[in-house]
Amino acid sequence: MEPRFLLLTDVAAELNVSDSQVYHMVRSGELPAIKIGGRGQWRVERARLEEYIARKYDETADWVQSNPLVDRDAEQ
């Protein structure tokens, strides 16, 4: 069974980005997370990570639709 909450390093590995990029996403509010424990360690709920990924797919699809590839051979 997969853990409900992930360390930021686990999230970074899952997204194939750096730990500092994940920390920035969490601190900016882009990726929802919680602080727990006496030392205030960050945790990201797996469900929130999956929602974030789905949202990024939607944003990317919108961007692709708004920025179509231009066939350079057709312009000549």
PDB file of N, CA and C in Angstrom:
ATOM      1  N   MET A   1       0.836  -1.181   0.000  1.00  0.00           N
ATOM      2  CA  MET A   1       0.000   0.000   0.000  1.00  0.00           C
ATOM      3  C   MET A   1       0.881   1.245   0.000  1.00  0.00           C
ATOM      4  N   GLU A   2       0.565   2.167  -0.878  1.00  0.00           N
ATOM      5  CA  GLU A   2       1.350   3.398  -0.978  1.00  0.00           C
ATOM      6  C   GLU A   2       1.014   4.321   0.184  1.00  0.00           C
ATOM      7  N   PRO A   3       2.009   5.069   0.664  1.00  0.00           N
ATOM      8  CA  PRO A   3       1.732   5.992   1.768  1.00  0.00           C
ATOM      9  C   PRO A   3       0.818   7.131   1.317  1.00  0.00           C
ATOM     10  N   ARG A   4       0.004   7.615   2.260  1.00  0.00           N
ATOM     11  CA  ARG A   4      -0.911   8.711   1.959  1.00  0.00           C
ATOM     12  C   ARG A   4      -0.152  10.013   1.749  1.00  0.00           C
ATOM     13  N   PHE A   5       0.889  10.233   2.573  1.00  0.00           N
ATOM     14  CA  PHE A   5       1.650  11.475   2.500  1.00  0.00           C
ATOM     15  C   PHE A   5       3.061  11.213   1.999  1.00  0.00           C
ATOM     16  N   LEU A   6       3.567  12.138   1.193  1.00  0.00           N
ATOM     17  CA  LEU A   6       4.888  12.012   0.587  1.00  0.00           C
ATOM     18  C   LEU A   6       5.822  13.100   1.090  1.00  0.00           C
ATOM     19  N   LEU A   7       7.087  12.760   1.228  1.00  0.00           N
ATOM     20  CA  LEU A   7       8.118  13.752   1.489  1.00  0.00           C
ATOM     21  C   LEU A   7       8.314  14.579   0.222  1.00  0.00           C
ATOM     22  N   LEU A   8       8.847  15.781   0.385  1.00  0.00           N
ATOM     23  CA  LEU A   8       9.106  16.595  -0.803  1.00  0.00           C
ATOM     24  C   LEU A   8      10.093  15.906  -1.742  1.00  0.00           C
ATOM     25  N   THR A   9      11.033  15.158  -1.186  1.00  0.00           N
ATOM     26  CA  THR A   9      11.984  14.425  -2.042  1.00  0.00           C
ATOM     27  C   THR A   9      11.274  13.346  -2.854  1.00  0.00           C
ATOM     28  N   ASP A  10      10.240  12.729  -2.261  1.00  0.00           N
ATOM     29  CA  ASP A  10       9.458  11.729  -2.992  1.00  0.00           C
ATOM     30  C   ASP A  10       8.683  12.379  -4.136  1.00  0.00           C
ATOM     31  N   VAL A  11       8.130  13.551  -3.863  1.00  0.00           N
ATOM     32  CA  VAL A  11       7.394  14.296  -4.894  1.00  0.00           C
ATOM     33  C   VAL A  11       8.348  14.686  -6.023  1.00  0.00           C
ATOM     34  N   ALA A  12       9.531  15.137  -5.653  1.00  0.00           N
ATOM     35  CA  ALA A  12      10.532  15.526  -6.659  1.00  0.00           C
ATOM     36  C   ALA A  12      10.882  14.336  -7.553  1.00  0.00           C
ATOM     37  N   ALA A  13      11.058  13.178  -6.940  1.00  0.00           N
ATOM     38  CA  ALA A  13      11.381  11.977  -7.720  1.00  0.00           C
ATOM     39  C   ALA A  13      10.219  11.604  -8.637  1.00  0.00           C
ATOM     40  N   GLU A  14       9.012  11.714  -8.121  1.00  0.00           N
ATOM     41  CA  GLU A  14       7.817  11.373  -8.904  1.00  0.00           C
ATOM     42  C   GLU A  14       7.675  12.279 -10.123  1.00  0.00           C
ATOM     43  N   LEU A  15       7.968  13.568  -9.942  1.00  0.00           N
ATOM     44  CA  LEU A  15       7.829  14.541 -11.035  1.00  0.00           C
ATOM     45  C   LEU A  15       9.106  14.708 -11.854  1.00  0.00           C
ATOM     46  N   ASN A  16      10.184  14.054 -11.407  1.00  0.00           N
ATOM     47  CA  ASN A  16      11.481  14.151 -12.076  1.00  0.00           C
ATOM     48  C   ASN A  16      11.965  15.605 -12.134  1.00  0.00           C
ATOM     49  N   VAL A  17      11.875  16.288 -10.982  1.00  0.00           N
ATOM     50  CA  VAL A  17      12.366  17.658 -10.834  1.00  0.00           C
ATOM     51  C   VAL A  17      13.225  17.712  -9.573  1.00  0.00           C
ATOM     52  N   SER A  18      13.823  18.852  -9.302  1.00  0.00           N
ATOM     53  CA  SER A  18      14.678  18.978  -8.121  1.00  0.00           C
ATOM     54  C   SER A  18      13.847  19.200  -6.853  1.00  0.00           C
ATOM     55  N   ASP A  19      14.460  18.898  -5.716  1.00  0.00           N
ATOM     56  CA  ASP A  19      13.818  19.148  -4.433  1.00  0.00           C
ATOM     57  C   ASP A  19      13.473  20.624  -4.280  1.00  0.00           C
ATOM     58  N   SER A  20      14.378  21.495  -4.722  1.00  0.00           N
ATOM     59  CA  SER A  20      14.132  22.930  -4.577  1.00  0.00           C
ATOM     60  C   SER A  20      12.950  23.384  -5.438  1.00  0.00           C
ATOM     61  N   GLN A  21      12.742  22.771  -6.584  1.00  0.00           N
ATOM     62  CA  GLN A  21      11.585  23.123  -7.411  1.00  0.00           C
ATOM     63  C   GLN A  21      10.290  22.752  -6.698  1.00  0.00           C
ATOM     64  N   VAL A  22      10.270  21.588  -6.059  1.00  0.00           N
ATOM     65  CA  VAL A  22       9.074  21.167  -5.325  1.00  0.00           C
ATOM     66  C   VAL A  22       8.849  22.095  -4.137  1.00  0.00           C
ATOM     67  N   TYR A  23       9.910  22.444  -3.425  1.00  0.00           N
ATOM     68  CA  TYR A  23       9.785  23.352  -2.294  1.00  0.00           C
ATOM     69  C   TYR A  23       9.179  24.682  -2.744  1.00  0.00           C
ATOM     70  N   HIS A  24       9.624  25.187  -3.868  1.00  0.00           N
ATOM     71  CA  HIS A  24       9.080  26.441  -4.398  1.00  0.00           C
ATOM     72  C   HIS A  24       7.600  26.283  -4.760  1.00  0.00           C
ATOM     73  N   MET A  25       7.222  25.169  -5.367  1.00  0.00           N
ATOM     74  CA  MET A  25       5.821  24.933  -5.727  1.00  0.00           C
ATOM     75  C   MET A  25       4.944  24.894  -4.484  1.00  0.00           C
ATOM     76  N   VAL A  26       5.463  24.291  -3.411  1.00  0.00           N
ATOM     77  CA  VAL A  26       4.717  24.213  -2.155  1.00  0.00           C
ATOM     78  C   VAL A  26       4.624  25.592  -1.504  1.00  0.00           C
ATOM     79  N   ARG A  27       5.743  26.292  -1.400  1.00  0.00           N
ATOM     80  CA  ARG A  27       5.764  27.605  -0.742  1.00  0.00           C
ATOM     81  C   ARG A  27       4.939  28.646  -1.495  1.00  0.00           C
ATOM     82  N   SER A  28       4.848  28.518  -2.811  1.00  0.00           N
ATOM     83  CA  SER A  28       4.061  29.463  -3.605  1.00  0.00           C
ATOM     84  C   SER A  28       2.571  29.126  -3.580  1.00  0.00           C
ATOM     85  N   GLY A  29       2.220  27.948  -3.085  1.00  0.00           N
ATOM     86  CA  GLY A  29       0.825  27.521  -3.052  1.00  0.00           C
ATOM     87  C   GLY A  29       0.381  26.787  -4.296  1.00  0.00           C
ATOM     88  N   GLU A  30       1.276  26.633  -5.244  1.00  0.00           N
ATOM     89  CA  GLU A  30       0.940  25.928  -6.487  1.00  0.00           C
ATOM     90  C   GLU A  30       0.599  24.465  -6.215  1.00  0.00           C
ATOM     91  N   LEU A  31       1.330  23.850  -5.292  1.00  0.00           N
ATOM     92  CA  LEU A  31       1.111  22.454  -4.913  1.00  0.00           C
ATOM     93  C   LEU A  31       0.719  22.427  -3.436  1.00  0.00           C
ATOM     94  N   PRO A  32      -0.528  22.046  -3.120  1.00  0.00           N
ATOM     95  CA  PRO A  32      -0.961  22.029  -1.719  1.00  0.00           C
ATOM     96  C   PRO A  32      -0.152  21.042  -0.883  1.00  0.00           C
ATOM     97  N   ALA A  33       0.210  21.469   0.325  1.00  0.00           N
ATOM     98  CA  ALA A  33       0.981  20.633   1.245  1.00  0.00           C
ATOM     99  C   ALA A  33       0.660  21.055   2.672  1.00  0.00           C
ATOM    100  N   ILE A  34       1.103  20.238   3.615  1.00  0.00           N
ATOM    101  CA  ILE A  34       0.931  20.558   5.023  1.00  0.00           C
ATOM    102  C   ILE A  34       2.284  20.491   5.715  1.00  0.00           C
ATOM    103  N   LYS A  35       2.388  21.217   6.835  1.00  0.00           N
ATOM    104  CA  LYS A  35       3.572  21.151   7.684  1.00  0.00           C
ATOM    105  C   LYS A  35       3.178  20.365   8.928  1.00  0.00           C
ATOM    106  N   ILE A  36       3.992  19.377   9.278  1.00  0.00           N
ATOM    107  CA  ILE A  36       3.681  18.556  10.444  1.00  0.00           C
ATOM    108  C   ILE A  36       4.912  18.399  11.323  1.00  0.00           C
ATOM    109  N   GLY A  37       4.662  17.994  12.547  1.00  0.00           N
ATOM    110  CA  GLY A  37       5.751  17.706  13.468  1.00  0.00           C
ATOM    111  C   GLY A  37       6.362  18.953  14.070  1.00  0.00           C
ATOM    112  N   GLY A  38       7.162  18.729  15.089  1.00  0.00           N
ATOM    113  CA  GLY A  38       7.803  19.819  15.802  1.00  0.00           C
ATOM    114  C   GLY A  38       8.770  20.611  14.955  1.00  0.00           C
ATOM    115  N   ARG A  39       9.325  19.983  13.950  1.00  0.00           N
ATOM    116  CA  ARG A  39      10.278  20.668  13.073  1.00  0.00           C
ATOM    117  C   ARG A  39       9.609  21.232  11.828  1.00  0.00           C
ATOM    118  N   GLY A  40       8.291  21.075  11.728  1.00  0.00           N
ATOM    119  CA  GLY A  40       7.554  21.647  10.604  1.00  0.00           C
ATOM    120  C   GLY A  40       7.958  21.085   9.260  1.00  0.00           C
ATOM    121  N   GLN A  41       7.993  19.774   9.145  1.00  0.00           N
ATOM    122  CA  GLN A  41       8.371  19.156   7.881  1.00  0.00           C
ATOM    123  C   GLN A  41       7.176  19.122   6.939  1.00  0.00           C
ATOM    124  N   TRP A  42       7.450  19.393   5.677  1.00  0.00           N
ATOM    125  CA  TRP A  42       6.410  19.430   4.651  1.00  0.00           C
ATOM    126  C   TRP A  42       6.032  18.027   4.213  1.00  0.00           C
ATOM    127  N   ARG A  43       4.721  17.836   3.966  1.00  0.00           N
ATOM    128  CA  ARG A  43       4.207  16.594   3.403  1.00  0.00           C
ATOM    129  C   ARG A  43       3.157  16.947   2.350  1.00  0.00           C
ATOM    130  N   VAL A  44       3.144  16.168   1.282  1.00  0.00           N
ATOM    131  CA  VAL A  44       2.167  16.346   0.206  1.00  0.00           C
ATOM    132  C   VAL A  44       1.311  15.085   0.158  1.00  0.00           C
ATOM    133  N   GLU A  45       0.015  15.270   0.240  1.00  0.00           N
ATOM    134  CA  GLU A  45      -0.888  14.126   0.162  1.00  0.00           C
ATOM    135  C   GLU A  45      -0.888  13.599  -1.274  1.00  0.00           C
ATOM    136  N   ARG A  46      -0.802  12.293  -1.402  1.00  0.00           N
ATOM    137  CA  ARG A  46      -0.749  11.672  -2.733  1.00  0.00           C
ATOM    138  C   ARG A  46      -1.921  12.129  -3.604  1.00  0.00           C
ATOM    139  N   ALA A  47      -3.119  12.213  -3.031  1.00  0.00           N
ATOM    140  CA  ALA A  47      -4.294  12.640  -3.804  1.00  0.00           C
ATOM    141  C   ALA A  47      -4.109  14.060  -4.342  1.00  0.00           C
ATOM    142  N   ARG A  48      -3.505  14.939  -3.537  1.00  0.00           N
ATOM    143  CA  ARG A  48      -3.258  16.314  -3.984  1.00  0.00           C
ATOM    144  C   ARG A  48      -2.227  16.344  -5.110  1.00  0.00           C
ATOM    145  N   LEU A  49      -1.236  15.474  -5.026  1.00  0.00           N
ATOM    146  CA  LEU A  49      -0.236  15.387  -6.097  1.00  0.00           C
ATOM    147  C   LEU A  49      -0.905  14.937  -7.393  1.00  0.00           C
ATOM    148  N   GLU A  50      -1.768  13.939  -7.310  1.00  0.00           N
ATOM    149  CA  GLU A  50      -2.465  13.460  -8.509  1.00  0.00           C
ATOM    150  C   GLU A  50      -3.366  14.545  -9.089  1.00  0.00           C
ATOM    151  N   GLU A  51      -4.031  15.334  -8.228  1.00  0.00           N
ATOM    152  CA  GLU A  51      -4.847  16.458  -8.702  1.00  0.00           C
ATOM    153  C   GLU A  51      -3.974  17.502  -9.389  1.00  0.00           C
ATOM    154  N   TYR A  52      -2.806  17.766  -8.811  1.00  0.00           N
ATOM    155  CA  TYR A  52      -1.866  18.722  -9.397  1.00  0.00           C
ATOM    156  C   TYR A  52      -1.442  18.255 -10.795  1.00  0.00           C
ATOM    157  N   ILE A  53      -1.113  16.990 -10.915  1.00  0.00           N
ATOM    158  CA  ILE A  53      -0.689  16.439 -12.208  1.00  0.00           C
ATOM    159  C   ILE A  53      -1.824  16.561 -13.227  1.00  0.00           C
ATOM    160  N   ALA A  54      -3.040  16.219 -12.824  1.00  0.00           N
ATOM    161  CA  ALA A  54      -4.190  16.332 -13.740  1.00  0.00           C
ATOM    162  C   ALA A  54      -4.400  17.780 -14.168  1.00  0.00           C
ATOM    163  N   ARG A  55      -4.260  18.718 -13.212  1.00  0.00           N
ATOM    164  CA  ARG A  55      -4.408  20.138 -13.530  1.00  0.00           C
ATOM    165  C   ARG A  55      -3.349  20.577 -14.535  1.00  0.00           C
ATOM    166  N   LYS A  56      -2.124  20.106 -14.372  1.00  0.00           N
ATOM    167  CA  LYS A  56      -1.046  20.464 -15.297  1.00  0.00           C
ATOM    168  C   LYS A  56      -1.298  19.899 -16.696  1.00  0.00           C
ATOM    169  N   TYR A  57      -1.885  18.689 -16.769  1.00  0.00           N
ATOM    170  CA  TYR A  57      -2.261  18.141 -18.075  1.00  0.00           C
ATOM    171  C   TYR A  57      -3.288  19.044 -18.749  1.00  0.00           C
ATOM    172  N   ASP A  58      -4.287  19.494 -17.984  1.00  0.00           N
ATOM    173  CA  ASP A  58      -5.311  20.388 -18.540  1.00  0.00           C
ATOM    174  C   ASP A  58      -4.706  21.709 -18.999  1.00  0.00           C
ATOM    175  N   GLU A  59      -3.844  22.297 -18.161  1.00  0.00           N
ATOM    176  CA  GLU A  59      -3.189  23.563 -18.517  1.00  0.00           C
ATOM    177  C   GLU A  59      -2.331  23.408 -19.769  1.00  0.00           C
ATOM    178  N   THR A  60      -1.635  22.295 -19.868  1.00  0.00           N
ATOM    179  CA  THR A  60      -0.782  22.048 -21.031  1.00  0.00           C
ATOM    180  C   THR A  60      -1.626  21.875 -22.291  1.00  0.00           C
ATOM    181  N   ALA A  61      -2.736  21.153 -22.172  1.00  0.00           N
ATOM    182  CA  ALA A  61      -3.621  20.964 -23.329  1.00  0.00           C
ATOM    183  C   ALA A  61      -4.174  22.306 -23.801  1.00  0.00           C
ATOM    184  N   ASP A  62      -4.564  23.161 -22.855  1.00  0.00           N
ATOM    185  CA  ASP A  62      -5.048  24.500 -23.218  1.00  0.00           C
ATOM    186  C   ASP A  62      -3.956  25.306 -23.907  1.00  0.00           C
ATOM    187  N   TRP A  63      -2.741  25.229 -23.380  1.00  0.00           N
ATOM    188  CA  TRP A  63      -1.622  25.966 -23.968  1.00  0.00           C
ATOM    189  C   TRP A  63      -1.340  25.469 -25.387  1.00  0.00           C
ATOM    190  N   VAL A  64      -1.320  24.150 -25.575  1.00  0.00           N
ATOM    191  CA  VAL A  64      -1.043  23.576 -26.901  1.00  0.00           C
ATOM    192  C   VAL A  64      -2.102  24.034 -27.901  1.00  0.00           C
ATOM    193  N   GLN A  65      -3.358  24.055 -27.457  1.00  0.00           N
ATOM    194  CA  GLN A  65      -4.428  24.481 -28.353  1.00  0.00           C
ATOM    195  C   GLN A  65      -4.294  25.959 -28.725  1.00  0.00           C
ATOM    196  N   SER A  66      -3.820  26.759 -27.787  1.00  0.00           N
ATOM    197  CA  SER A  66      -3.662  28.199 -28.036  1.00  0.00           C
ATOM    198  C   SER A  66      -2.387  28.541 -28.796  1.00  0.00           C
ATOM    199  N   ASN A  67      -1.458  27.606 -28.865  1.00  0.00           N
ATOM    200  CA  ASN A  67      -0.164  27.835 -29.508  1.00  0.00           C
ATOM    201  C   ASN A  67       0.144  26.704 -30.484  1.00  0.00           C
ATOM    202  N   PRO A  68      -0.600  26.636 -31.593  1.00  0.00           N
ATOM    203  CA  PRO A  68      -0.401  25.526 -32.526  1.00  0.00           C
ATOM    204  C   PRO A  68       0.980  25.588 -33.188  1.00  0.00           C
ATOM    205  N   LEU A  69       1.439  24.413 -33.558  1.00  0.00           N
ATOM    206  CA  LEU A  69       2.683  24.331 -34.319  1.00  0.00           C
ATOM    207  C   LEU A  69       2.460  24.938 -35.676  1.00  0.00           C
ATOM    208  N   VAL A  70       3.445  25.644 -36.162  1.00  0.00           N
ATOM    209  CA  VAL A  70       3.360  26.241 -37.489  1.00  0.00           C
ATOM    210  C   VAL A  70       4.228  25.391 -38.416  1.00  0.00           C
ATOM    211  N   ASP A  71       3.645  24.978 -39.505  1.00  0.00           N
ATOM    212  CA  ASP A  71       4.399  24.200 -40.498  1.00  0.00           C
ATOM    213  C   ASP A  71       5.255  25.178 -41.287  1.00  0.00           C
ATOM    214  N   ARG A  72       6.547  25.173 -41.041  1.00  0.00           N
ATOM    215  CA  ARG A  72       7.447  26.137 -41.676  1.00  0.00           C
ATOM    216  C   ARG A  72       7.545  25.952 -43.190  1.00  0.00           C
ATOM    217  N   ASP A  73       7.380  24.710 -43.666  1.00  0.00           N
ATOM    218  CA  ASP A  73       7.439  24.461 -45.101  1.00  0.00           C
ATOM    219  C   ASP A  73       6.243  25.108 -45.809  1.00  0.00           C
ATOM    220  N   ALA A  74       5.096  25.172 -45.146  1.00  0.00           N
ATOM    221  CA  ALA A  74       3.879  25.745 -45.753  1.00  0.00           C
ATOM    222  C   ALA A  74       4.004  27.255 -45.895  1.00  0.00           C
ATOM    223  N   GLU A  75       4.833  27.899 -45.072  1.00  0.00           N
ATOM    224  CA  GLU A  75       4.984  29.349 -45.118  1.00  0.00           C
ATOM    225  C   GLU A  75       5.856  29.799 -46.281  1.00  0.00           C
ATOM    226  N   GLN A  76       6.654  28.948 -46.830  1.00  0.00           N
ATOM    227  CA  GLN A  76       7.621  29.338 -47.872  1.00  0.00           C
ATOM    228  C   GLN A  76       7.016  29.451 -49.229  1.00  0.00           C
TER     229      GLN A  76
END
